[in-house]
């Protein structure tokens, strides 16, 4: 017979939340430490012609955007991890409340 309900593995959600939060923190740390300084090139880093055509400025702008993107990805991953863990907690609380409500309804 096919089961017509579903279950939620709250331990898996909590584990994912912890693991993904750690990955978010690590991504932020590694990304920041690896990319720090790439947006601070001197104006003549690509020679006189590079400075005249704006190559250094364009590179700095691209590097800054990359730094911001890594930070945003790390923040997003951490936020997602928190939401997943919270979903597991909320589900467990809801299940407990439903069980308690059913028990009370039998006592009436």
PDB file of N, CA and C in Angstrom:
ATOM      1  N   UNK A   1       0.840  -1.174   0.000  1.00  0.00           N
ATOM      2  CA  UNK A   1       0.000   0.000   0.000  1.00  0.00           C
ATOM      3  C   UNK A   1       0.891   1.246   0.000  1.00  0.00           C
ATOM      4  N   UNK A   2       0.518   2.212  -0.778  1.00  0.00           N
ATOM      5  CA  UNK A   2       1.283   3.448  -0.885  1.00  0.00           C
ATOM      6  C   UNK A   2       0.943   4.365   0.286  1.00  0.00           C
ATOM      7  N   UNK A   3       1.981   4.847   0.931  1.00  0.00           N
ATOM      8  CA  UNK A   3       1.768   5.760   2.053  1.00  0.00           C
ATOM      9  C   UNK A   3       1.292   7.113   1.525  1.00  0.00           C
ATOM     10  N   UNK A   4       0.296   7.702   2.178  1.00  0.00           N
ATOM     11  CA  UNK A   4      -0.276   8.959   1.712  1.00  0.00           C
ATOM     12  C   UNK A   4       0.058  10.106   2.655  1.00  0.00           C
ATOM     13  N   UNK A   5       1.219  10.045   3.209  1.00  0.00           N
ATOM     14  CA  UNK A   5       1.665  11.127   4.085  1.00  0.00           C
ATOM     15  C   UNK A   5       3.147  11.362   3.814  1.00  0.00           C
ATOM     16  N   UNK A   6       3.682  12.304   4.488  1.00  0.00           N
ATOM     17  CA  UNK A   6       5.102  12.562   4.315  1.00  0.00           C
ATOM     18  C   UNK A   6       5.713  12.819   5.677  1.00  0.00           C
ATOM     19  N   UNK A   7       6.996  12.693   5.727  1.00  0.00           N
ATOM     20  CA  UNK A   7       7.723  12.964   6.961  1.00  0.00           C
ATOM     21  C   UNK A   7       8.855  13.928   6.676  1.00  0.00           C
ATOM     22  N   UNK A   8       9.314  14.542   7.699  1.00  0.00           N
ATOM     23  CA  UNK A   8      10.420  15.482   7.576  1.00  0.00           C
ATOM     24  C   UNK A   8      11.540  15.002   8.489  1.00  0.00           C
ATOM     25  N   UNK A   9      12.723  14.887   7.936  1.00  0.00           N
ATOM     26  CA  UNK A   9      13.884  14.478   8.720  1.00  0.00           C
ATOM     27  C   UNK A   9      14.486  15.732   9.356  1.00  0.00           C
ATOM     28  N   UNK A  10      14.022  16.047  10.547  1.00  0.00           N
ATOM     29  CA  UNK A  10      14.463  17.281  11.212  1.00  0.00           C
ATOM     30  C   UNK A  10      15.939  17.226  11.586  1.00  0.00           C
ATOM     31  N   UNK A  11      16.460  16.029  11.848  1.00  0.00           N
ATOM     32  CA  UNK A  11      17.895  15.912  12.134  1.00  0.00           C
ATOM     33  C   UNK A  11      18.717  16.284  10.903  1.00  0.00           C
ATOM     34  N   UNK A  12      18.246  15.855   9.734  1.00  0.00           N
ATOM     35  CA  UNK A  12      18.950  16.195   8.496  1.00  0.00           C
ATOM     36  C   UNK A  12      18.901  17.703   8.243  1.00  0.00           C
ATOM     37  N   UNK A  13      17.756  18.316   8.516  1.00  0.00           N
ATOM     38  CA  UNK A  13      17.649  19.768   8.333  1.00  0.00           C
ATOM     39  C   UNK A  13      18.582  20.505   9.286  1.00  0.00           C
ATOM     40  N   UNK A  14      18.642  20.064  10.520  1.00  0.00           N
ATOM     41  CA  UNK A  14      19.537  20.699  11.494  1.00  0.00           C
ATOM     42  C   UNK A  14      20.992  20.509  11.089  1.00  0.00           C
ATOM     43  N   UNK A  15      21.326  19.307  10.637  1.00  0.00           N
ATOM     44  CA  UNK A  15      22.692  19.025  10.204  1.00  0.00           C
ATOM     45  C   UNK A  15      23.072  19.879   8.997  1.00  0.00           C
ATOM     46  N   UNK A  16      22.151  19.965   8.033  1.00  0.00           N
ATOM     47  CA  UNK A  16      22.406  20.809   6.867  1.00  0.00           C
ATOM     48  C   UNK A  16      22.596  22.254   7.293  1.00  0.00           C
ATOM     49  N   UNK A  17      21.750  22.722   8.190  1.00  0.00           N
ATOM     50  CA  UNK A  17      21.855  24.099   8.657  1.00  0.00           C
ATOM     51  C   UNK A  17      23.212  24.387   9.259  1.00  0.00           C
ATOM     52  N   UNK A  18      23.696  23.473  10.076  1.00  0.00           N
ATOM     53  CA  UNK A  18      25.007  23.653  10.703  1.00  0.00           C
ATOM     54  C   UNK A  18      26.124  23.608   9.667  1.00  0.00           C
ATOM     55  N   UNK A  19      26.069  22.623   8.779  1.00  0.00           N
ATOM     56  CA  UNK A  19      27.107  22.473   7.763  1.00  0.00           C
ATOM     57  C   UNK A  19      27.129  23.659   6.806  1.00  0.00           C
ATOM     58  N   UNK A  20      25.970  24.041   6.313  1.00  0.00           N
ATOM     59  CA  UNK A  20      25.906  25.146   5.351  1.00  0.00           C
ATOM     60  C   UNK A  20      26.299  26.474   5.992  1.00  0.00           C
ATOM     61  N   UNK A  21      25.955  26.666   7.252  1.00  0.00           N
ATOM     62  CA  UNK A  21      26.368  27.897   7.938  1.00  0.00           C
ATOM     63  C   UNK A  21      27.885  27.954   8.026  1.00  0.00           C
ATOM     64  N   UNK A  22      28.497  26.820   8.332  1.00  0.00           N
ATOM     65  CA  UNK A  22      29.961  26.758   8.370  1.00  0.00           C
ATOM     66  C   UNK A  22      30.573  27.033   7.012  1.00  0.00           C
ATOM     67  N   UNK A  23      29.949  26.501   5.967  1.00  0.00           N
ATOM     68  CA  UNK A  23      30.440  26.757   4.612  1.00  0.00           C
ATOM     69  C   UNK A  23      30.311  28.232   4.245  1.00  0.00           C
ATOM     70  N   UNK A  24      29.220  28.848   4.662  1.00  0.00           N
ATOM     71  CA  UNK A  24      29.039  30.279   4.402  1.00  0.00           C
ATOM     72  C   UNK A  24      30.119  31.105   5.069  1.00  0.00           C
ATOM     73  N   UNK A  25      30.415  30.773   6.314  1.00  0.00           N
ATOM     74  CA  UNK A  25      31.473  31.477   7.044  1.00  0.00           C
ATOM     75  C   UNK A  25      32.820  31.256   6.375  1.00  0.00           C
ATOM     76  N   UNK A  26      33.083  30.004   5.997  1.00  0.00           N
ATOM     77  CA  UNK A  26      34.354  29.678   5.345  1.00  0.00           C
ATOM     78  C   UNK A  26      34.476  30.368   3.991  1.00  0.00           C
ATOM     79  N   UNK A  27      33.400  30.373   3.226  1.00  0.00           N
ATOM     80  CA  UNK A  27      33.410  31.048   1.928  1.00  0.00           C
ATOM     81  C   UNK A  27      33.731  32.525   2.099  1.00  0.00           C
ATOM     82  N   UNK A  28      33.098  33.156   3.068  1.00  0.00           N
ATOM     83  CA  UNK A  28      33.371  34.567   3.322  1.00  0.00           C
ATOM     84  C   UNK A  28      34.817  34.808   3.707  1.00  0.00           C
ATOM     85  N   UNK A  29      35.355  33.967   4.587  1.00  0.00           N
ATOM     86  CA  UNK A  29      36.736  34.138   5.052  1.00  0.00           C
ATOM     87  C   UNK A  29      37.744  33.878   3.939  1.00  0.00           C
ATOM     88  N   UNK A  30      37.582  32.765   3.232  1.00  0.00           N
ATOM     89  CA  UNK A  30      38.522  32.420   2.169  1.00  0.00           C
ATOM     90  C   UNK A  30      38.413  33.410   1.018  1.00  0.00           C
ATOM     91  N   UNK A  31      37.192  33.730   0.630  1.00  0.00           N
ATOM     92  CA  UNK A  31      37.010  34.683  -0.467  1.00  0.00           C
ATOM     93  C   UNK A  31      37.595  36.035  -0.152  1.00  0.00           C
ATOM     94  N   UNK A  32      37.348  36.507   1.050  1.00  0.00           N
ATOM     95  CA  UNK A  32      37.864  37.822   1.435  1.00  0.00           C
ATOM     96  C   UNK A  32      39.382  37.810   1.518  1.00  0.00           C
ATOM     97  N   UNK A  33      39.952  36.787   2.157  1.00  0.00           N
ATOM     98  CA  UNK A  33      41.409  36.755   2.298  1.00  0.00           C
ATOM     99  C   UNK A  33      42.099  36.549   0.955  1.00  0.00           C
ATOM    100  N   UNK A  34      41.482  35.779   0.078  1.00  0.00           N
ATOM    101  CA  UNK A  34      42.075  35.530  -1.237  1.00  0.00           C
ATOM    102  C   UNK A  34      41.984  36.754  -2.134  1.00  0.00           C
ATOM    103  N   UNK A  35      40.888  37.452  -2.075  1.00  0.00           N
ATOM    104  CA  UNK A  35      40.663  38.569  -2.993  1.00  0.00           C
ATOM    105  C   UNK A  35      41.067  39.925  -2.428  1.00  0.00           C
ATOM    106  N   UNK A  36      41.423  39.979  -1.150  1.00  0.00           N
ATOM    107  CA  UNK A  36      41.793  41.261  -0.551  1.00  0.00           C
ATOM    108  C   UNK A  36      42.981  41.860  -1.297  1.00  0.00           C
ATOM    109  N   UNK A  37      42.839  43.095  -1.647  1.00  0.00           N
ATOM    110  CA  UNK A  37      43.913  43.816  -2.319  1.00  0.00           C
ATOM    111  C   UNK A  37      43.823  43.836  -3.827  1.00  0.00           C
ATOM    112  N   UNK A  38      43.007  42.963  -4.420  1.00  0.00           N
ATOM    113  CA  UNK A  38      42.944  42.949  -5.886  1.00  0.00           C
ATOM    114  C   UNK A  38      42.287  44.207  -6.438  1.00  0.00           C
ATOM    115  N   UNK A  39      41.559  44.907  -5.593  1.00  0.00           N
ATOM    116  CA  UNK A  39      40.901  46.129  -6.062  1.00  0.00           C
ATOM    117  C   UNK A  39      41.710  47.383  -5.740  1.00  0.00           C
ATOM    118  N   UNK A  40      42.968  47.207  -5.359  1.00  0.00           N
ATOM    119  CA  UNK A  40      43.785  48.378  -5.013  1.00  0.00           C
ATOM    120  C   UNK A  40      45.049  48.448  -5.863  1.00  0.00           C
ATOM    121  N   UNK A  41      44.890  48.282  -7.150  1.00  0.00           N
ATOM    122  CA  UNK A  41      46.025  48.397  -8.067  1.00  0.00           C
ATOM    123  C   UNK A  41      46.378  49.863  -8.286  1.00  0.00           C
ATOM    124  N   UNK A  42      47.658  50.149  -8.469  1.00  0.00           N
ATOM    125  CA  UNK A  42      48.018  51.527  -8.813  1.00  0.00           C
ATOM    126  C   UNK A  42      47.535  51.862 -10.229  1.00  0.00           C
ATOM    127  N   UNK A  43      47.359  53.119 -10.488  1.00  0.00           N
ATOM    128  CA  UNK A  43      46.832  53.563 -11.787  1.00  0.00           C
ATOM    129  C   UNK A  43      47.710  53.118 -12.951  1.00  0.00           C
ATOM    130  N   UNK A  44      49.013  52.967 -12.718  1.00  0.00           N
ATOM    131  CA  UNK A  44      49.922  52.585 -13.805  1.00  0.00           C
ATOM    132  C   UNK A  44      50.239  51.084 -13.805  1.00  0.00           C
ATOM    133  N   UNK A  45      49.414  50.287 -13.181  1.00  0.00           N
ATOM    134  CA  UNK A  45      49.670  48.845 -13.082  1.00  0.00           C
ATOM    135  C   UNK A  45      49.744  48.179 -14.452  1.00  0.00           C
ATOM    136  N   UNK A  46      49.041  48.712 -15.416  1.00  0.00           N
ATOM    137  CA  UNK A  46      49.055  48.151 -16.767  1.00  0.00           C
ATOM    138  C   UNK A  46      49.823  49.058 -17.732  1.00  0.00           C
ATOM    139  N   UNK A  47      50.732  49.831 -17.186  1.00  0.00           N
ATOM    140  CA  UNK A  47      51.545  50.725 -17.996  1.00  0.00           C
ATOM    141  C   UNK A  47      50.817  52.027 -18.293  1.00  0.00           C
ATOM    142  N   UNK A  48      51.536  52.885 -19.001  1.00  0.00           N
ATOM    143  CA  UNK A  48      50.979  54.205 -19.323  1.00  0.00           C
ATOM    144  C   UNK A  48      49.725  54.076 -20.194  1.00  0.00           C
ATOM    145  N   UNK A  49      49.788  53.219 -21.186  1.00  0.00           N
ATOM    146  CA  UNK A  49      48.638  53.049 -22.080  1.00  0.00           C
ATOM    147  C   UNK A  49      47.438  52.472 -21.318  1.00  0.00           C
ATOM    148  N   UNK A  50      47.698  51.516 -20.446  1.00  0.00           N
ATOM    149  CA  UNK A  50      46.621  50.938 -19.638  1.00  0.00           C
ATOM    150  C   UNK A  50      45.945  51.990 -18.782  1.00  0.00           C
ATOM    151  N   UNK A  51      46.749  52.913 -18.241  1.00  0.00           N
ATOM    152  CA  UNK A  51      46.191  54.002 -17.446  1.00  0.00           C
ATOM    153  C   UNK A  51      45.369  54.950 -18.293  1.00  0.00           C
ATOM    154  N   UNK A  52      45.855  55.230 -19.504  1.00  0.00           N
ATOM    155  CA  UNK A  52      45.151  56.164 -20.389  1.00  0.00           C
ATOM    156  C   UNK A  52      43.799  55.619 -20.848  1.00  0.00           C
ATOM    157  N   UNK A  53      43.728  54.340 -21.074  1.00  0.00           N
ATOM    158  CA  UNK A  53      42.471  53.768 -21.573  1.00  0.00           C
ATOM    159  C   UNK A  53      41.565  53.284 -20.441  1.00  0.00           C
ATOM    160  N   UNK A  54      42.040  53.422 -19.217  1.00  0.00           N
ATOM    161  CA  UNK A  54      41.205  53.076 -18.069  1.00  0.00           C
ATOM    162  C   UNK A  54      41.208  51.608 -17.691  1.00  0.00           C
ATOM    163  N   UNK A  55      42.245  50.889 -18.104  1.00  0.00           N
ATOM    164  CA  UNK A  55      42.294  49.464 -17.813  1.00  0.00           C
ATOM    165  C   UNK A  55      42.395  49.188 -16.314  1.00  0.00           C
ATOM    166  N   UNK A  56      43.216  49.948 -15.620  1.00  0.00           N
ATOM    167  CA  UNK A  56      43.360  49.748 -14.172  1.00  0.00           C
ATOM    168  C   UNK A  56      42.034  50.034 -13.456  1.00  0.00           C
ATOM    169  N   UNK A  57      41.373  51.101 -13.848  1.00  0.00           N
ATOM    170  CA  UNK A  57      40.086  51.440 -13.221  1.00  0.00           C
ATOM    171  C   UNK A  57      39.045  50.359 -13.496  1.00  0.00           C
ATOM    172  N   UNK A  58      39.030  49.847 -14.720  1.00  0.00           N
ATOM    173  CA  UNK A  58      38.079  48.787 -15.064  1.00  0.00           C
ATOM    174  C   UNK A  58      38.381  47.521 -14.266  1.00  0.00           C
ATOM    175  N   UNK A  59      39.665  47.204 -14.124  1.00  0.00           N
ATOM    176  CA  UNK A  59      40.044  46.029 -13.350  1.00  0.00           C
ATOM    177  C   UNK A  59      39.653  46.205 -11.886  1.00  0.00           C
ATOM    178  N   UNK A  60      39.883  47.385 -11.342  1.00  0.00           N
ATOM    179  CA  UNK A  60      39.512  47.659  -9.952  1.00  0.00           C
ATOM    180  C   UNK A  60      38.002  47.520  -9.751  1.00  0.00           C
ATOM    181  N   UNK A  61      37.248  48.023 -10.702  1.00  0.00           N
ATOM    182  CA  UNK A  61      35.789  47.929 -10.612  1.00  0.00           C
ATOM    183  C   UNK A  61      35.336  46.462 -10.656  1.00  0.00           C
ATOM    184  N   UNK A  62      35.935  45.684 -11.559  1.00  0.00           N
ATOM    185  CA  UNK A  62      35.583  44.264 -11.658  1.00  0.00           C
ATOM    186  C   UNK A  62      35.989  43.513 -10.391  1.00  0.00           C
ATOM    187  N   UNK A  63      37.156  43.831  -9.856  1.00  0.00           N
ATOM    188  CA  UNK A  63      37.624  43.172  -8.631  1.00  0.00           C
ATOM    189  C   UNK A  63      36.718  43.516  -7.452  1.00  0.00           C
ATOM    190  N   UNK A  64      36.301  44.766  -7.365  1.00  0.00           N
ATOM    191  CA  UNK A  64      35.397  45.176  -6.286  1.00  0.00           C
ATOM    192  C   UNK A  64      34.064  44.434  -6.404  1.00  0.00           C
ATOM    193  N   UNK A  65      33.565  44.311  -7.625  1.00  0.00           N
ATOM    194  CA  UNK A  65      32.308  43.585  -7.841  1.00  0.00           C
ATOM    195  C   UNK A  65      32.454  42.120  -7.436  1.00  0.00           C
ATOM    196  N   UNK A  66      33.621  41.539  -7.711  1.00  0.00           N
ATOM    197  CA  UNK A  66      33.859  40.149  -7.333  1.00  0.00           C
ATOM    198  C   UNK A  66      33.904  39.999  -5.809  1.00  0.00           C
ATOM    199  N   UNK A  67      34.563  40.920  -5.133  1.00  0.00           N
ATOM    200  CA  UNK A  67      34.594  40.904  -3.666  1.00  0.00           C
ATOM    201  C   UNK A  67      33.181  40.994  -3.090  1.00  0.00           C
ATOM    202  N   UNK A  68      32.386  41.895  -3.634  1.00  0.00           N
ATOM    203  CA  UNK A  68      31.010  42.064  -3.160  1.00  0.00           C
ATOM    204  C   UNK A  68      30.167  40.825  -3.441  1.00  0.00           C
ATOM    205  N   UNK A  69      30.395  40.189  -4.589  1.00  0.00           N
ATOM    206  CA  UNK A  69      29.634  38.991  -4.943  1.00  0.00           C
ATOM    207  C   UNK A  69      29.966  37.828  -4.009  1.00  0.00           C
ATOM    208  N   UNK A  70      31.241  37.674  -3.680  1.00  0.00           N
ATOM    209  CA  UNK A  70      31.631  36.601  -2.758  1.00  0.00           C
ATOM    210  C   UNK A  70      31.019  36.847  -1.384  1.00  0.00           C
ATOM    211  N   UNK A  71      31.066  38.089  -0.927  1.00  0.00           N
ATOM    212  CA  UNK A  71      30.468  38.423   0.372  1.00  0.00           C
ATOM    213  C   UNK A  71      28.963  38.164   0.354  1.00  0.00           C
ATOM    214  N   UNK A  72      28.301  38.528  -0.742  1.00  0.00           N
ATOM    215  CA  UNK A  72      26.856  38.303  -0.854  1.00  0.00           C
ATOM    216  C   UNK A  72      26.533  36.809  -0.891  1.00  0.00           C
ATOM    217  N   UNK A  73      27.350  36.033  -1.599  1.00  0.00           N
ATOM    218  CA  UNK A  73      27.130  34.585  -1.653  1.00  0.00           C
ATOM    219  C   UNK A  73      27.292  33.964  -0.269  1.00  0.00           C
ATOM    220  N   UNK A  74      28.303  34.397   0.459  1.00  0.00           N
ATOM    221  CA  UNK A  74      28.525  33.877   1.815  1.00  0.00           C
ATOM    222  C   UNK A  74      27.361  34.237   2.733  1.00  0.00           C
ATOM    223  N   UNK A  75      26.910  35.467   2.640  1.00  0.00           N
ATOM    224  CA  UNK A  75      25.773  35.906   3.457  1.00  0.00           C
ATOM    225  C   UNK A  75      24.507  35.140   3.084  1.00  0.00           C
ATOM    226  N   UNK A  76      24.296  34.963   1.788  1.00  0.00           N
ATOM    227  CA  UNK A  76      23.124  34.222   1.317  1.00  0.00           C
ATOM    228  C   UNK A  76      23.138  32.772   1.774  1.00  0.00           C
ATOM    229  N   UNK A  77      24.298  32.133   1.700  1.00  0.00           N
ATOM    230  CA  UNK A  77      24.407  30.742   2.132  1.00  0.00           C
ATOM    231  C   UNK A  77      24.158  30.618   3.629  1.00  0.00           C
ATOM    232  N   UNK A  78      24.696  31.535   4.389  1.00  0.00           N
ATOM    233  CA  UNK A  78      24.467  31.517   5.841  1.00  0.00           C
ATOM    234  C   UNK A  78      22.988  31.736   6.167  1.00  0.00           C
ATOM    235  N   UNK A  79      22.364  32.664   5.462  1.00  0.00           N
ATOM    236  CA  UNK A  79      20.934  32.917   5.668  1.00  0.00           C
ATOM    237  C   UNK A  79      20.081  31.717   5.294  1.00  0.00           C
ATOM    238  N   UNK A  80      20.440  31.065   4.201  1.00  0.00           N
ATOM    239  CA  UNK A  80      19.714  29.871   3.770  1.00  0.00           C
ATOM    240  C   UNK A  80      19.862  28.765   4.809  1.00  0.00           C
ATOM    241  N   UNK A  81      21.069  28.603   5.328  1.00  0.00           N
ATOM    242  CA  UNK A  81      21.318  27.584   6.354  1.00  0.00           C
ATOM    243  C   UNK A  81      20.448  27.829   7.582  1.00  0.00           C
ATOM    244  N   UNK A  82      20.371  29.072   7.992  1.00  0.00           N
ATOM    245  CA  UNK A  82      19.541  29.421   9.148  1.00  0.00           C
ATOM    246  C   UNK A  82      18.074  29.115   8.870  1.00  0.00           C
ATOM    247  N   UNK A  83      17.611  29.461   7.679  1.00  0.00           N
ATOM    248  CA  UNK A  83      16.209  29.222   7.322  1.00  0.00           C
ATOM    249  C   UNK A  83      15.888  27.727   7.301  1.00  0.00           C
ATOM    250  N   UNK A  84      16.798  26.920   6.778  1.00  0.00           N
ATOM    251  CA  UNK A  84      16.568  25.470   6.742  1.00  0.00           C
ATOM    252  C   UNK A  84      16.510  24.907   8.159  1.00  0.00           C
ATOM    253  N   UNK A  85      17.460  25.305   8.992  1.00  0.00           N
ATOM    254  CA  UNK A  85      17.463  24.830  10.382  1.00  0.00           C
ATOM    255  C   UNK A  85      16.198  25.279  11.108  1.00  0.00           C
ATOM    256  N   UNK A  86      15.798  26.522  10.888  1.00  0.00           N
ATOM    257  CA  UNK A  86      14.576  27.034  11.522  1.00  0.00           C
ATOM    258  C   UNK A  86      13.333  26.299  11.031  1.00  0.00           C
ATOM    259  N   UNK A  87      13.331  25.912   9.760  1.00  0.00           N
ATOM    260  CA  UNK A  87      12.193  25.161   9.223  1.00  0.00           C
ATOM    261  C   UNK A  87      12.068  23.814   9.929  1.00  0.00           C
ATOM    262  N   UNK A  88      13.190  23.167  10.165  1.00  0.00           N
ATOM    263  CA  UNK A  88      13.162  21.896  10.890  1.00  0.00           C
ATOM    264  C   UNK A  88      12.651  22.061  12.305  1.00  0.00           C
ATOM    265  N   UNK A  89      13.110  23.103  12.975  1.00  0.00           N
ATOM    266  CA  UNK A  89      12.660  23.383  14.339  1.00  0.00           C
ATOM    267  C   UNK A  89      11.167  23.691  14.361  1.00  0.00           C
ATOM    268  N   UNK A  90      10.722  24.521  13.430  1.00  0.00           N
ATOM    269  CA  UNK A  90       9.302  24.889  13.369  1.00  0.00           C
ATOM    270  C   UNK A  90       8.440  23.664  13.084  1.00  0.00           C
ATOM    271  N   UNK A  91       8.913  22.792  12.200  1.00  0.00           N
ATOM    272  CA  UNK A  91       8.151  21.577  11.895  1.00  0.00           C
ATOM    273  C   UNK A  91       8.021  20.703  13.143  1.00  0.00           C
ATOM    274  N   UNK A  92       9.118  20.521  13.855  1.00  0.00           N
ATOM    275  CA  UNK A  92       9.082  19.699  15.074  1.00  0.00           C
ATOM    276  C   UNK A  92       8.133  20.303  16.108  1.00  0.00           C
ATOM    277  N   UNK A  93       8.181  21.617  16.258  1.00  0.00           N
ATOM    278  CA  UNK A  93       7.277  22.286  17.206  1.00  0.00           C
ATOM    279  C   UNK A  93       5.820  22.136  16.783  1.00  0.00           C
ATOM    280  N   UNK A  94       5.569  22.252  15.494  1.00  0.00           N
ATOM    281  CA  UNK A  94       4.206  22.113  14.979  1.00  0.00           C
ATOM    282  C   UNK A  94       3.700  20.694  15.188  1.00  0.00           C
ATOM    283  N   UNK A  95       4.556  19.715  14.971  1.00  0.00           N
ATOM    284  CA  UNK A  95       4.159  18.325  15.181  1.00  0.00           C
ATOM    285  C   UNK A  95       3.843  18.064  16.656  1.00  0.00           C
ATOM    286  N   UNK A  96       4.656  18.602  17.536  1.00  0.00           N
ATOM    287  CA  UNK A  96       4.415  18.448  18.971  1.00  0.00           C
ATOM    288  C   UNK A  96       3.097  19.098  19.364  1.00  0.00           C
ATOM    289  N   UNK A  97       2.856  20.283  18.845  1.00  0.00           N
ATOM    290  CA  UNK A  97       1.611  20.990  19.147  1.00  0.00           C
ATOM    291  C   UNK A  97       0.406  20.217  18.624  1.00  0.00           C
ATOM    292  N   UNK A  98       0.514  19.677  17.414  1.00  0.00           N
ATOM    293  CA  UNK A  98      -0.594  18.903  16.844  1.00  0.00           C
ATOM    294  C   UNK A  98      -0.864  17.657  17.680  1.00  0.00           C
ATOM    295  N   UNK A  99       0.194  16.993  18.104  1.00  0.00           N
ATOM    296  CA  UNK A  99       0.034  15.806  18.948  1.00  0.00           C
ATOM    297  C   UNK A  99      -0.652  16.170  20.264  1.00  0.00           C
ATOM    298  N   UNK A 100      -0.221  17.267  20.872  1.00  0.00           N
ATOM    299  CA  UNK A 100      -0.838  17.716  22.125  1.00  0.00           C
ATOM    300  C   UNK A 100      -2.304  18.093  21.921  1.00  0.00           C
ATOM    301  N   UNK A 101      -2.599  18.745  20.801  1.00  0.00           N
ATOM    302  CA  UNK A 101      -3.987  19.123  20.502  1.00  0.00           C
ATOM    303  C   UNK A 101      -4.874  17.890  20.344  1.00  0.00           C
ATOM    304  N   UNK A 102      -4.355  16.874  19.679  1.00  0.00           N
ATOM    305  CA  UNK A 102      -5.130  15.642  19.485  1.00  0.00           C
ATOM    306  C   UNK A 102      -5.375  14.960  20.828  1.00  0.00           C
ATOM    307  N   UNK A 103      -4.357  14.909  21.669  1.00  0.00           N
ATOM    308  CA  UNK A 103      -4.528  14.308  23.004  1.00  0.00           C
ATOM    309  C   UNK A 103      -5.582  15.061  23.808  1.00  0.00           C
ATOM    310  N   UNK A 104      -5.549  16.390  23.752  1.00  0.00           N
ATOM    311  CA  UNK A 104      -6.538  17.194  24.482  1.00  0.00           C
ATOM    312  C   UNK A 104      -7.937  16.961  23.938  1.00  0.00           C
ATOM    313  N   UNK A 105      -8.060  16.783  22.641  1.00  0.00           N
ATOM    314  CA  UNK A 105      -9.393  16.585  22.061  1.00  0.00           C
ATOM    315  C   UNK A 105     -10.012  15.269  22.526  1.00  0.00           C
ATOM    316  N   UNK A 106      -9.202  14.281  22.817  1.00  0.00           N
ATOM    317  CA  UNK A 106      -9.720  13.013  23.329  1.00  0.00           C
ATOM    318  C   UNK A 106     -10.134  13.117  24.789  1.00  0.00           C
ATOM    319  N   UNK A 107      -9.615  14.096  25.493  1.00  0.00           N
ATOM    320  CA  UNK A 107      -9.924  14.258  26.911  1.00  0.00           C
ATOM    321  C   UNK A 107     -11.202  15.049  27.145  1.00  0.00           C
ATOM    322  N   UNK A 108     -11.732  15.640  26.125  1.00  0.00           N
ATOM    323  CA  UNK A 108     -12.942  16.457  26.279  1.00  0.00           C
ATOM    324  C   UNK A 108     -14.159  15.612  26.477  1.00  0.00           C
TER     325      UNK A 108
END
